[in-house]
Amino acid sequence: MIFYVFKFMRVWSVFALITLAFSILLMFCGNNIFKKTGKRPELSYLPIYNLLILLDVCQMFRLYFILLLLPIVNVLVIMLMLYRLSIVFLTKKSFALGLILLPVLFLPVLNYSKNLR
């Protein structure tokens, strides 16, 4: 029995480290995206306030923040936010689809591209 508990803890710790690494990557990408849109970049490090600022950048109502608190709906709202973010940066539809489906790969591309806005 104790073997299964330790095995579960190992699996969970690997998952937690991968999630932490992706979160840090997206946090730094958000920093440069805030710079490109004219917002103060240090606001991207504040956990809840950065979502409100990102809603403003995506030109969405702040009431969508309430929908971000609901379990299933938040995935749809984040997809909509990423699509609107691609519209703000004047990207192609294929890039917008990639941003929606694989944000961990396409947000750094959006972050470090020179020809956007």
Protein backbone atom coordinates (compact mmCIF):
# COMPACT_ATOMS: atom_id res chain seq x y z
CA MET A 1 0.00 0.00 0.00
CA ILE A 2 2.73 2.46 0.93
CA PHE A 3 4.47 1.74 -2.40
CA TYR A 4 1.46 3.07 -4.31
CA VAL A 5 1.38 6.24 -2.23
CA PHE A 6 5.03 6.99 -3.03
CA LYS A 7 4.48 6.18 -6.69
CA PHE A 8 1.53 8.57 -6.81
CA MET A 9 3.61 11.28 -5.14
CA ARG A 10 6.39 10.87 -7.71
CA VAL A 11 3.96 11.13 -10.62
CA TRP A 12 2.26 14.13 -9.10
CA SER A 13 5.56 15.92 -8.45
CA VAL A 14 6.64 15.48 -12.08
CA PHE A 15 3.29 16.87 -13.23
CA ALA A 16 3.63 19.80 -10.81
CA LEU A 17 7.15 20.63 -12.04
CA ILE A 18 6.06 20.59 -15.69
CA THR A 19 3.11 22.83 -14.87
CA LEU A 20 5.36 25.20 -12.96
CA ALA A 21 7.81 25.40 -15.87
CA PHE A 22 5.02 26.20 -18.34
CA SER A 23 3.57 28.79 -15.95
CA ILE A 24 6.91 30.57 -15.64
CA LEU A 25 7.35 30.54 -19.43
CA LEU A 26 3.90 32.03 -19.96
CA MET A 27 4.52 34.62 -17.23
CA PHE A 28 7.61 35.93 -19.03
CA CYS A 29 5.76 35.92 -22.34
CA GLY A 30 2.99 37.94 -20.76
CA ASN A 31 5.57 40.47 -19.64
CA ASN A 32 6.66 41.25 -23.20
CA ILE A 33 3.11 41.15 -24.52
CA PHE A 34 2.19 43.80 -21.98
CA LYS A 35 5.17 45.89 -23.19
CA LYS A 36 4.05 45.58 -26.82
CA THR A 37 0.54 46.74 -25.99
CA GLY A 38 1.70 49.74 -23.98
CA LYS A 39 0.78 48.41 -20.55
CA ARG A 40 3.17 48.40 -17.60
CA PRO A 41 5.07 45.07 -17.79
CA GLU A 42 5.31 44.58 -14.03
CA LEU A 43 1.52 44.22 -13.91
CA SER A 44 1.88 40.86 -15.66
CA TYR A 45 3.25 39.35 -12.43
CA LEU A 46 0.14 40.11 -10.36
CA PRO A 47 -1.97 36.94 -10.47
CA ILE A 48 -5.55 38.16 -10.88
CA TYR A 49 -4.97 41.70 -12.06
CA ASN A 50 -3.03 40.50 -15.10
CA LEU A 51 -6.16 38.73 -16.36
CA LEU A 52 -8.14 41.95 -16.05
CA ILE A 53 -5.48 43.85 -17.98
CA LEU A 54 -5.35 41.08 -20.59
CA LEU A 55 -9.12 41.37 -20.99
CA ASP A 56 -8.61 45.08 -21.67
CA VAL A 57 -5.86 44.33 -24.19
CA CYS A 58 -8.14 41.84 -25.95
CA GLN A 59 -10.91 44.48 -25.93
CA MET A 60 -13.29 42.27 -23.98
CA PHE A 61 -15.64 43.22 -21.17
CA ARG A 62 -14.31 42.82 -17.64
CA LEU A 63 -17.39 40.76 -16.79
CA TYR A 64 -15.71 37.87 -18.59
CA PHE A 65 -13.52 37.64 -15.50
CA ILE A 66 -16.49 36.18 -13.63
CA LEU A 67 -16.77 33.52 -16.33
CA LEU A 68 -13.10 32.69 -15.78
CA LEU A 69 -14.03 31.51 -12.29
CA LEU A 70 -16.43 28.84 -13.60
CA PRO A 71 -14.82 25.44 -14.22
CA ILE A 72 -15.80 24.49 -17.79
CA VAL A 73 -16.58 27.93 -19.13
CA ASN A 74 -13.12 29.27 -18.28
CA VAL A 75 -11.53 27.11 -20.99
CA LEU A 76 -13.84 28.64 -23.59
CA VAL A 77 -13.19 32.17 -22.32
CA ILE A 78 -9.42 31.61 -22.47
CA MET A 79 -9.77 30.33 -26.04
CA LEU A 80 -11.76 33.44 -26.91
CA MET A 81 -9.13 35.65 -25.22
CA LEU A 82 -6.33 34.02 -27.21
CA TYR A 83 -8.25 34.46 -30.45
CA ARG A 84 -8.88 38.12 -29.66
CA LEU A 85 -5.21 38.53 -28.75
CA SER A 86 -4.28 37.25 -32.19
CA ILE A 87 -6.65 39.80 -33.71
CA VAL A 88 -5.04 42.60 -31.68
CA PHE A 89 -1.60 41.62 -32.99
CA LEU A 90 -2.89 41.26 -36.58
CA THR A 91 -1.83 37.65 -37.09
CA LYS A 92 -3.07 35.11 -39.63
CA LYS A 93 -5.96 32.76 -38.94
CA SER A 94 -3.62 29.76 -38.89
CA PHE A 95 -1.53 31.42 -36.19
CA ALA A 96 -4.70 32.17 -34.23
CA LEU A 97 -5.68 28.50 -34.42
CA GLY A 98 -2.23 27.49 -33.21
CA LEU A 99 -2.46 30.02 -30.40
CA ILE A 100 -5.76 28.52 -29.29
CA LEU A 101 -4.69 24.87 -29.52
CA LEU A 102 -1.04 25.13 -28.37
CA PRO A 103 -0.62 28.36 -26.40
CA VAL A 104 2.55 27.11 -24.73
CA LEU A 105 4.28 27.04 -28.13
CA PHE A 106 2.64 29.99 -29.86
CA LEU A 107 2.71 32.58 -27.06
CA PRO A 108 6.53 32.66 -27.06
CA VAL A 109 6.42 33.05 -30.85
CA LEU A 110 3.99 35.94 -30.44
CA ASN A 111 6.18 37.29 -27.69
CA TYR A 112 9.47 37.37 -29.58
CA SER A 113 8.30 38.16 -33.12
CA LYS A 114 9.48 41.51 -34.44
CA ASN A 115 6.98 42.11 -37.21
CA LEU A 116 3.89 42.29 -35.00
CA ARG A 117 2.36 45.65 -34.26
